[in-house]
Amino acid sequence: MTVERGIIWILLSSLPLAEYKGINKISSFFSLFLYLFVYIPFIHAIMVLYNISDMQTYSYSLVMFIFMILYFKIGNEWTPIKNILVKPQLPFKFIEFITVMLTIAFVAIAHDHMHFVNIFTESSQLYELRSENSEAESLGGIGYLQGWLFGAFYPFVLVHYLDQKKWIKVSMALFGYIVLFMVDMQKMTFLMPFALIVLYQITRLNEKKVSFYLHSYIMIAIICFSCIVYVLQDSELIFTIAAILLLRTVCVAGWLTQLYVHFFNENPYTYYSHINVVNFVTQNYPYSAPLGKAVAYGSQNANANFFLTDGIAAGGLQGICIIGIFFLALLIIINSITARYKKTDMFVLFMPTIAFFLNTSIFTTMLSNGLLPLILIVACTNLKYNNK
C-alpha cells in the first residue's frame, strides 16, 4: 500500500467524526452505531480489497464518506422537518392492549414449537431447534408477528414501565421476550431485554455524559473486551459472548463488505427484487436462493447491513446512493416524531432497530422487524411524559 493510499484511508475513516457533536437527536444515536459498526468496517475492507479497480474503491468510499457526514449533520443543527404528530393520539392503554393480544396470538400459533435451552451451555441443541422451527410450516406466517413484538411493541411498553417504575409489568415484558426466544432460538432475542434495561439504567445515571461521550465508552469497551477475549480465549462462556458481541458487530461487517463487492462484480444486481414486495411485481430476482445464501454460494446465510444488501447488491454505486438518500429521509422523520419524547428513552426504544440495521436490509427492518410499526406507535401515542 502506498503512503498516499494510507493517508486517504486514515482521512476517510476519521473525518466524519468531526461532524459528531454528541447525541443531540435520536439520529445521532443511529449514526454513531452506523459509523462504528458499518462505516469503519466498510472503509477498512474496501481499502484493502484485491481485484477491484482504484476507481471502484475510491468511488464507493467517497459516497459512503459523504453520506456519513450528512447523517451526523442532521443530528446537529439541520432540521428540515419538525415535530410530526399524528392526531387523534392513541392512549397508552390501547398500545398495551394490542401488545397483549399479539402475544396471545403468537403463543396460540407457536405453542407446539416452544422450547427453552441454555444459550451458553446447550448451543448444539439451540441450533438444532432453531433449524427445526425455521422449517416448520405451521410457523410460516409468524415472522411479522414476532418481529413487531420484538422491535416495536415490547420495547415501547418496557420503556414506559421502567419510567413509571412498574416492576411487575417490567417482568411481564421480560417474559414476553423469553416467549419469543423459545420459538426463534436467537441469542439476540434472549439478551435484548436485559441489554435494554442496562442501557436504560446507564442513561439515567448521567444523561449528559452518555450523550456526549458514548462514542468513547463504546470504543474503550471494544478495546477492553478484545483484550479479555484474547486472555480468556479458552473459556466457552467468553467465546460465546464474544461471538455475539464482538464478532457479529466489529468483525463480520468488514468481511461481508468484501464478500458482497466481489460477488456483485461478477454477478447481476438484484435491482431491489430481493425485497419480496418488489419481486412480486417485477418477478425479476436473478437467483434461486435468498440473497444471503446466494452471496455465500449456499454455504451459509450471509445477511448483511443495508448498505450491502440494499446498496451494493441492489445496484452497486447507484444502489448505495439510492439507499443512502432513503436512510437520510428516514432519519429526518425519526428525528421529527421523537422530538417530544425524552431523548434517553428513545435510546432504549430504538436499540433493537439499530441491532437489525447492522445485520439486515432496511426494508426487512421496517416491514418484518418492527421499525414501521414502531414509527407509527411513537407518532400516534399520547403519553403523559415528554422531554420538556
Foldseek 3Di string as FASTA:
>chain_A
DDPVLVVVLVCLLPVLCVLAQFQQFVLSLLLLLCSQFALNLLSVLLSPFPDDDPVQSVLLSVLSSVLSNLSSNCSPDDAPDAAQFDPPFDAVVVLVVVLVVLLVVLCVQCVVLFDDDDVLPPVVVLVVSLVVLVPDPSCVPCLQSLLQLQQASLLVVLLVCVVVVVVVVNVVSLVSLSRSCRRNSDPCSNCLSVVLVVLLVVCVVPVVCCRRCVSVVVVVVLVVLVVVCVVPVVDSNSVSVCVVPPCLRHPLSNVVSSLLQVQCVPDPAQLPCLPVVVCVVVVRGPDPDRPQCVSVVNPDRQFFAACRNQNCRNPRSVSNVVVSVVVSVVSSLSRNLQVFAARSSSSSSRPQLSVCNGGHHPVCSCRRNNPVVNSVNSNRHDDPDTRD
